[in-house]
Amino acid sequence: MVERRRWLSKERFVESWRLHIASGGPEALQLAIYVGYLKRGVWPASPLAYLHPPGAVVMVILSLAVLEYGSLHG
């Protein structure tokens, strides 16, 4: 992105990388989405772009189970 393609300056890459590390989660994926935004100007579903679909589905199912049954503790 920086040396071969020259999509970002080294300074902008380092600044972006630091921000994505501080935000937590998959830094490489977040940085790739950000660079895609810079190159094409379309924000890809913003927070939804960072979700891992299988994990999100499991969390929704567990949340619905807690709502339905009150708690998961006996």
PDB file of N, CA and C in Angstrom:
ATOM      1  N   MET A   1       0.814  -1.198   0.000  1.00  0.00           N
ATOM      2  CA  MET A   1       0.000   0.000   0.000  1.00  0.00           C
ATOM      3  C   MET A   1       0.856   1.259   0.000  1.00  0.00           C
ATOM      4  N   VAL A   2       2.000   1.174   0.657  1.00  0.00           N
ATOM      5  CA  VAL A   2       2.831   2.369   0.799  1.00  0.00           C
ATOM      6  C   VAL A   2       3.933   2.393  -0.258  1.00  0.00           C
ATOM      7  N   GLU A   3       4.708   1.337  -0.327  1.00  0.00           N
ATOM      8  CA  GLU A   3       5.872   1.356  -1.205  1.00  0.00           C
ATOM      9  C   GLU A   3       5.545   0.953  -2.643  1.00  0.00           C
ATOM     10  N   ARG A   4       4.856  -0.161  -2.819  1.00  0.00           N
ATOM     11  CA  ARG A   4       4.624  -0.653  -4.171  1.00  0.00           C
ATOM     12  C   ARG A   4       3.508   0.106  -4.877  1.00  0.00           C
ATOM     13  N   ARG A   5       2.349   0.201  -4.253  1.00  0.00           N
ATOM     14  CA  ARG A   5       1.194   0.839  -4.891  1.00  0.00           C
ATOM     15  C   ARG A   5       1.135   2.350  -4.692  1.00  0.00           C
ATOM     16  N   ARG A   6       1.773   2.825  -3.622  1.00  0.00           N
ATOM     17  CA  ARG A   6       1.785   4.254  -3.284  1.00  0.00           C
ATOM     18  C   ARG A   6       0.371   4.820  -3.066  1.00  0.00           C
ATOM     19  N   TRP A   7      -0.462   4.007  -2.408  1.00  0.00           N
ATOM     20  CA  TRP A   7      -1.817   4.449  -2.099  1.00  0.00           C
ATOM     21  C   TRP A   7      -1.831   5.397  -0.909  1.00  0.00           C
ATOM     22  N   LEU A   8      -0.869   5.209   0.007  1.00  0.00           N
ATOM     23  CA  LEU A   8      -0.770   6.028   1.214  1.00  0.00           C
ATOM     24  C   LEU A   8       0.667   6.478   1.403  1.00  0.00           C
ATOM     25  N   SER A   9       0.825   7.629   2.018  1.00  0.00           N
ATOM     26  CA  SER A   9       2.171   8.026   2.441  1.00  0.00           C
ATOM     27  C   SER A   9       2.533   7.189   3.670  1.00  0.00           C
ATOM     28  N   LYS A  10       3.807   7.080   3.948  1.00  0.00           N
ATOM     29  CA  LYS A  10       4.244   6.315   5.114  1.00  0.00           C
ATOM     30  C   LYS A  10       3.675   6.914   6.389  1.00  0.00           C
ATOM     31  N   GLU A  11       3.634   8.243   6.469  1.00  0.00           N
ATOM     32  CA  GLU A  11       3.113   8.910   7.662  1.00  0.00           C
ATOM     33  C   GLU A  11       1.630   8.597   7.866  1.00  0.00           C
ATOM     34  N   ARG A  12       0.843   8.642   6.784  1.00  0.00           N
ATOM     35  CA  ARG A  12      -0.588   8.367   6.906  1.00  0.00           C
ATOM     36  C   ARG A  12      -0.836   6.908   7.274  1.00  0.00           C
ATOM     37  N   PHE A  13      -0.027   6.001   6.716  1.00  0.00           N
ATOM     38  CA  PHE A  13      -0.153   4.589   7.052  1.00  0.00           C
ATOM     39  C   PHE A  13       0.113   4.364   8.535  1.00  0.00           C
ATOM     40  N   VAL A  14       1.210   4.928   9.039  1.00  0.00           N
ATOM     41  CA  VAL A  14       1.565   4.749  10.457  1.00  0.00           C
ATOM     42  C   VAL A  14       0.479   5.342  11.348  1.00  0.00           C
ATOM     43  N   GLU A  15      -0.015   6.523  11.021  1.00  0.00           N
ATOM     44  CA  GLU A  15      -1.079   7.145  11.806  1.00  0.00           C
ATOM     45  C   GLU A  15      -2.344   6.283  11.801  1.00  0.00           C
ATOM     46  N   SER A  16      -2.714   5.779  10.635  1.00  0.00           N
ATOM     47  CA  SER A  16      -3.900   4.925  10.524  1.00  0.00           C
ATOM     48  C   SER A  16      -3.718   3.638  11.308  1.00  0.00           C
ATOM     49  N   TRP A  17      -2.538   3.028  11.194  1.00  0.00           N
ATOM     50  CA  TRP A  17      -2.262   1.779  11.904  1.00  0.00           C
ATOM     51  C   TRP A  17      -2.376   1.988  13.413  1.00  0.00           C
ATOM     52  N   ARG A  18      -1.839   3.072  13.921  1.00  0.00           N
ATOM     53  CA  ARG A  18      -1.916   3.363  15.361  1.00  0.00           C
ATOM     54  C   ARG A  18      -3.364   3.524  15.811  1.00  0.00           C
ATOM     55  N   LEU A  19      -4.161   4.227  15.028  1.00  0.00           N
ATOM     56  CA  LEU A  19      -5.575   4.402  15.387  1.00  0.00           C
ATOM     57  C   LEU A  19      -6.320   3.081  15.390  1.00  0.00           C
ATOM     58  N   HIS A  20      -6.031   2.218  14.424  1.00  0.00           N
ATOM     59  CA  HIS A  20      -6.727   0.938  14.363  1.00  0.00           C
ATOM     60  C   HIS A  20      -6.273  -0.014  15.466  1.00  0.00           C
ATOM     61  N   ILE A  21      -5.017   0.061  15.864  1.00  0.00           N
ATOM     62  CA  ILE A  21      -4.554  -0.753  16.993  1.00  0.00           C
ATOM     63  C   ILE A  21      -5.256  -0.302  18.276  1.00  0.00           C
ATOM     64  N   ALA A  22      -5.391   1.000  18.457  1.00  0.00           N
ATOM     65  CA  ALA A  22      -6.020   1.534  19.663  1.00  0.00           C
ATOM     66  C   ALA A  22      -7.501   1.188  19.735  1.00  0.00           C
ATOM     67  N   SER A  23      -8.141   1.021  18.596  1.00  0.00           N
ATOM     68  CA  SER A  23      -9.579   0.737  18.606  1.00  0.00           C
ATOM     69  C   SER A  23      -9.889  -0.723  18.896  1.00  0.00           C
ATOM     70  N   GLY A  24      -8.890  -1.594  18.845  1.00  0.00           N
ATOM     71  CA  GLY A  24      -9.105  -3.005  19.121  1.00  0.00           C
ATOM     72  C   GLY A  24      -9.703  -3.731  17.928  1.00  0.00           C
ATOM     73  N   GLY A  25      -9.665  -5.043  17.977  1.00  0.00           N
ATOM     74  CA  GLY A  25     -10.216  -5.833  16.891  1.00  0.00           C
ATOM     75  C   GLY A  25      -9.170  -6.159  15.833  1.00  0.00           C
ATOM     76  N   PRO A  26      -9.632  -6.648  14.696  1.00  0.00           N
ATOM     77  CA  PRO A  26      -8.703  -7.065  13.639  1.00  0.00           C
ATOM     78  C   PRO A  26      -8.126  -5.862  12.891  1.00  0.00           C
ATOM     79  N   GLU A  27      -6.920  -5.467  13.274  1.00  0.00           N
ATOM     80  CA  GLU A  27      -6.322  -4.248  12.733  1.00  0.00           C
ATOM     81  C   GLU A  27      -6.141  -4.299  11.217  1.00  0.00           C
ATOM     82  N   ALA A  28      -5.672  -5.436  10.693  1.00  0.00           N
ATOM     83  CA  ALA A  28      -5.423  -5.529   9.251  1.00  0.00           C
ATOM     84  C   ALA A  28      -6.715  -5.349   8.464  1.00  0.00           C
ATOM     85  N   LEU A  29      -7.794  -5.944   8.933  1.00  0.00           N
ATOM     86  CA  LEU A  29      -9.087  -5.801   8.256  1.00  0.00           C
ATOM     87  C   LEU A  29      -9.563  -4.358   8.322  1.00  0.00           C
ATOM     88  N   GLN A  30      -9.468  -3.742   9.475  1.00  0.00           N
ATOM     89  CA  GLN A  30      -9.896  -2.352   9.622  1.00  0.00           C
ATOM     90  C   GLN A  30      -9.076  -1.433   8.725  1.00  0.00           C
ATOM     91  N   LEU A  31      -7.778  -1.673   8.663  1.00  0.00           N
ATOM     92  CA  LEU A  31      -6.918  -0.843   7.822  1.00  0.00           C
ATOM     93  C   LEU A  31      -7.253  -1.054   6.342  1.00  0.00           C
ATOM     94  N   ALA A  32      -7.516  -2.288   5.940  1.00  0.00           N
ATOM     95  CA  ALA A  32      -7.879  -2.560   4.548  1.00  0.00           C
ATOM     96  C   ALA A  32      -9.188  -1.862   4.178  1.00  0.00           C
ATOM     97  N   ILE A  33     -10.153  -1.869   5.078  1.00  0.00           N
ATOM     98  CA  ILE A  33     -11.420  -1.186   4.819  1.00  0.00           C
ATOM     99  C   ILE A  33     -11.192   0.317   4.717  1.00  0.00           C
ATOM    100  N   TYR A  34     -10.350   0.859   5.586  1.00  0.00           N
ATOM    101  CA  TYR A  34     -10.045   2.287   5.555  1.00  0.00           C
ATOM    102  C   TYR A  34      -9.363   2.680   4.240  1.00  0.00           C
ATOM    103  N   VAL A  35      -8.403   1.879   3.801  1.00  0.00           N
ATOM    104  CA  VAL A  35      -7.713   2.179   2.545  1.00  0.00           C
ATOM    105  C   VAL A  35      -8.695   2.074   1.383  1.00  0.00           C
ATOM    106  N   GLY A  36      -9.588   1.090   1.420  1.00  0.00           N
ATOM    107  CA  GLY A  36     -10.630   0.999   0.388  1.00  0.00           C
ATOM    108  C   GLY A  36     -11.497   2.241   0.367  1.00  0.00           C
ATOM    109  N   TYR A  37     -11.817   2.744   1.534  1.00  0.00           N
ATOM    110  CA  TYR A  37     -12.589   3.992   1.630  1.00  0.00           C
ATOM    111  C   TYR A  37     -11.818   5.159   1.021  1.00  0.00           C
ATOM    112  N   LEU A  38     -10.532   5.253   1.333  1.00  0.00           N
ATOM    113  CA  LEU A  38      -9.723   6.342   0.782  1.00  0.00           C
ATOM    114  C   LEU A  38      -9.621   6.256  -0.741  1.00  0.00           C
ATOM    115  N   LYS A  39      -9.482   5.040  -1.264  1.00  0.00           N
ATOM    116  CA  LYS A  39      -9.309   4.878  -2.710  1.00  0.00           C
ATOM    117  C   LYS A  39     -10.601   5.078  -3.486  1.00  0.00           C
ATOM    118  N   ARG A  40     -11.733   4.560  -2.960  1.00  0.00           N
ATOM    119  CA  ARG A  40     -12.992   4.585  -3.705  1.00  0.00           C
ATOM    120  C   ARG A  40     -14.022   5.558  -3.168  1.00  0.00           C
ATOM    121  N   GLY A  41     -13.849   6.005  -1.909  1.00  0.00           N
ATOM    122  CA  GLY A  41     -14.752   6.999  -1.356  1.00  0.00           C
ATOM    123  C   GLY A  41     -16.093   6.469  -0.876  1.00  0.00           C
ATOM    124  N   VAL A  42     -16.239   5.153  -0.779  1.00  0.00           N
ATOM    125  CA  VAL A  42     -17.496   4.567  -0.310  1.00  0.00           C
ATOM    126  C   VAL A  42     -17.220   3.869   1.007  1.00  0.00           C
ATOM    127  N   TRP A  43     -17.944   4.284   2.053  1.00  0.00           N
ATOM    128  CA  TRP A  43     -17.767   3.670   3.368  1.00  0.00           C
ATOM    129  C   TRP A  43     -18.560   2.369   3.394  1.00  0.00           C
ATOM    130  N   PRO A  44     -17.898   1.229   3.590  1.00  0.00           N
ATOM    131  CA  PRO A  44     -18.561  -0.075   3.491  1.00  0.00           C
ATOM    132  C   PRO A  44     -19.334  -0.469   4.744  1.00  0.00           C
ATOM    133  N   ALA A  45     -20.516   0.026   4.900  1.00  0.00           N
ATOM    134  CA  ALA A  45     -21.409  -0.343   5.998  1.00  0.00           C
ATOM    135  C   ALA A  45     -20.813  -0.064   7.366  1.00  0.00           C
ATOM    136  N   SER A  46     -19.838   0.776   7.438  1.00  0.00           N
ATOM    137  CA  SER A  46     -19.215   1.280   8.654  1.00  0.00           C
ATOM    138  C   SER A  46     -19.023   0.233   9.728  1.00  0.00           C
ATOM    139  N   PRO A  47     -19.736   0.259  10.888  1.00  0.00           N
ATOM    140  CA  PRO A  47     -19.421  -0.713  11.940  1.00  0.00           C
ATOM    141  C   PRO A  47     -19.708  -2.147  11.527  1.00  0.00           C
ATOM    142  N   LEU A  48     -20.658  -2.356  10.630  1.00  0.00           N
ATOM    143  CA  LEU A  48     -20.980  -3.713  10.210  1.00  0.00           C
ATOM    144  C   LEU A  48     -19.829  -4.371   9.465  1.00  0.00           C
ATOM    145  N   ALA A  49     -18.957  -3.578   8.874  1.00  0.00           N
ATOM    146  CA  ALA A  49     -17.821  -4.123   8.138  1.00  0.00           C
ATOM    147  C   ALA A  49     -16.838  -4.824   9.061  1.00  0.00           C
ATOM    148  N   TYR A  50     -16.859  -4.501  10.360  1.00  0.00           N
ATOM    149  CA  TYR A  50     -15.915  -5.093  11.296  1.00  0.00           C
ATOM    150  C   TYR A  50     -16.452  -6.339  11.990  1.00  0.00           C
ATOM    151  N   LEU A  51     -17.708  -6.663  11.779  1.00  0.00           N
ATOM    152  CA  LEU A  51     -18.291  -7.814  12.456  1.00  0.00           C
ATOM    153  C   LEU A  51     -17.844  -9.123  11.813  1.00  0.00           C
ATOM    154  N   HIS A  52     -17.660 -10.111  12.626  1.00  0.00           N
ATOM    155  CA  HIS A  52     -17.396 -11.461  12.144  1.00  0.00           C
ATOM    156  C   HIS A  52     -18.745 -12.173  12.152  1.00  0.00           C
ATOM    157  N   PRO A  53     -19.345 -12.430  10.988  1.00  0.00           N
ATOM    158  CA  PRO A  53     -20.726 -12.934  10.932  1.00  0.00           C
ATOM    159  C   PRO A  53     -21.019 -14.155  11.787  1.00  0.00           C
ATOM    160  N   PRO A  54     -20.212 -15.237  11.770  1.00  0.00           N
ATOM    161  CA  PRO A  54     -20.555 -16.384  12.626  1.00  0.00           C
ATOM    162  C   PRO A  54     -20.585 -16.029  14.110  1.00  0.00           C
ATOM    163  N   GLY A  55     -19.614 -15.238  14.557  1.00  0.00           N
ATOM    164  CA  GLY A  55     -19.594 -14.829  15.961  1.00  0.00           C
ATOM    165  C   GLY A  55     -20.772 -13.942  16.305  1.00  0.00           C
ATOM    166  N   ALA A  56     -21.154 -13.067  15.387  1.00  0.00           N
ATOM    167  CA  ALA A  56     -22.303 -12.190  15.611  1.00  0.00           C
ATOM    168  C   ALA A  56     -23.589 -12.999  15.719  1.00  0.00           C
ATOM    169  N   VAL A  57     -23.732 -14.019  14.891  1.00  0.00           N
ATOM    170  CA  VAL A  57     -24.933 -14.870  14.935  1.00  0.00           C
ATOM    171  C   VAL A  57     -25.006 -15.606  16.269  1.00  0.00           C
ATOM    172  N   VAL A  58     -23.890 -16.141  16.729  1.00  0.00           N
ATOM    173  CA  VAL A  58     -23.867 -16.842  18.018  1.00  0.00           C
ATOM    174  C   VAL A  58     -24.259 -15.894  19.142  1.00  0.00           C
ATOM    175  N   MET A  59     -23.741 -14.677  19.129  1.00  0.00           N
ATOM    176  CA  MET A  59     -24.068 -13.710  20.180  1.00  0.00           C
ATOM    177  C   MET A  59     -25.550 -13.330  20.153  1.00  0.00           C
ATOM    178  N   VAL A  60     -26.136 -13.196  18.981  1.00  0.00           N
ATOM    179  CA  VAL A  60     -27.563 -12.889  18.887  1.00  0.00           C
ATOM    180  C   VAL A  60     -28.386 -14.044  19.439  1.00  0.00           C
ATOM    181  N   ILE A  61     -28.025 -15.265  19.098  1.00  0.00           N
ATOM    182  CA  ILE A  61     -28.758 -16.433  19.607  1.00  0.00           C
ATOM    183  C   ILE A  61     -28.657 -16.523  21.127  1.00  0.00           C
ATOM    184  N   LEU A  62     -27.460 -16.329  21.657  1.00  0.00           N
ATOM    185  CA  LEU A  62     -27.300 -16.371  23.120  1.00  0.00           C
ATOM    186  C   LEU A  62     -28.071 -15.243  23.800  1.00  0.00           C
ATOM    187  N   SER A  63     -28.071 -14.074  23.208  1.00  0.00           N
ATOM    188  CA  SER A  63     -28.826 -12.949  23.777  1.00  0.00           C
ATOM    189  C   SER A  63     -30.312 -13.233  23.791  1.00  0.00           C
ATOM    190  N   LEU A  64     -30.823 -13.804  22.723  1.00  0.00           N
ATOM    191  CA  LEU A  64     -32.249 -14.149  22.671  1.00  0.00           C
ATOM    192  C   LEU A  64     -32.587 -15.228  23.697  1.00  0.00           C
ATOM    193  N   ALA A  65     -31.670 -16.184  23.900  1.00  0.00           N
ATOM    194  CA  ALA A  65     -31.901 -17.231  24.902  1.00  0.00           C
ATOM    195  C   ALA A  65     -31.978 -16.628  26.305  1.00  0.00           C
ATOM    196  N   VAL A  66     -31.094 -15.680  26.621  1.00  0.00           N
ATOM    197  CA  VAL A  66     -31.122 -15.033  27.925  1.00  0.00           C
ATOM    198  C   VAL A  66     -32.414 -14.259  28.102  1.00  0.00           C
ATOM    199  N   LEU A  67     -32.836 -13.554  27.069  1.00  0.00           N
ATOM    200  CA  LEU A  67     -34.094 -12.809  27.151  1.00  0.00           C
ATOM    201  C   LEU A  67     -35.295 -13.747  27.366  1.00  0.00           C
ATOM    202  N   GLU A  68     -35.280 -14.871  26.691  1.00  0.00           N
ATOM    203  CA  GLU A  68     -36.397 -15.811  26.777  1.00  0.00           C
ATOM    204  C   GLU A  68     -36.438 -16.552  28.110  1.00  0.00           C
ATOM    205  N   TYR A  69     -35.304 -17.011  28.590  1.00  0.00           N
ATOM    206  CA  TYR A  69     -35.274 -17.872  29.767  1.00  0.00           C
ATOM    207  C   TYR A  69     -34.834 -17.160  31.037  1.00  0.00           C
ATOM    208  N   GLY A  70     -34.548 -15.888  30.980  1.00  0.00           N
ATOM    209  CA  GLY A  70     -34.225 -15.121  32.179  1.00  0.00           C
ATOM    210  C   GLY A  70     -32.755 -15.098  32.522  1.00  0.00           C
ATOM    211  N   SER A  71     -32.100 -16.221  32.529  1.00  0.00           N
ATOM    212  CA  SER A  71     -30.666 -16.293  32.786  1.00  0.00           C
ATOM    213  C   SER A  71     -30.168 -17.664  32.387  1.00  0.00           C
ATOM    214  N   LEU A  72     -28.877 -17.791  32.297  1.00  0.00           N
ATOM    215  CA  LEU A  72     -28.297 -19.071  31.946  1.00  0.00           C
ATOM    216  C   LEU A  72     -27.782 -19.814  33.175  1.00  0.00           C
ATOM    217  N   HIS A  73     -27.943 -19.207  34.357  1.00  0.00           N
ATOM    218  CA  HIS A  73     -27.534 -19.840  35.601  1.00  0.00           C
ATOM    219  C   HIS A  73     -28.745 -20.533  36.221  1.00  0.00           C
ATOM    220  N   GLY A  74     -28.519 -21.709  36.820  1.00  0.00           N
ATOM    221  CA  GLY A  74     -29.579 -22.510  37.419  1.00  0.00           C
ATOM    222  C   GLY A  74     -30.253 -21.830  38.511  1.00  0.00           C
TER     223      GLY A  74
END
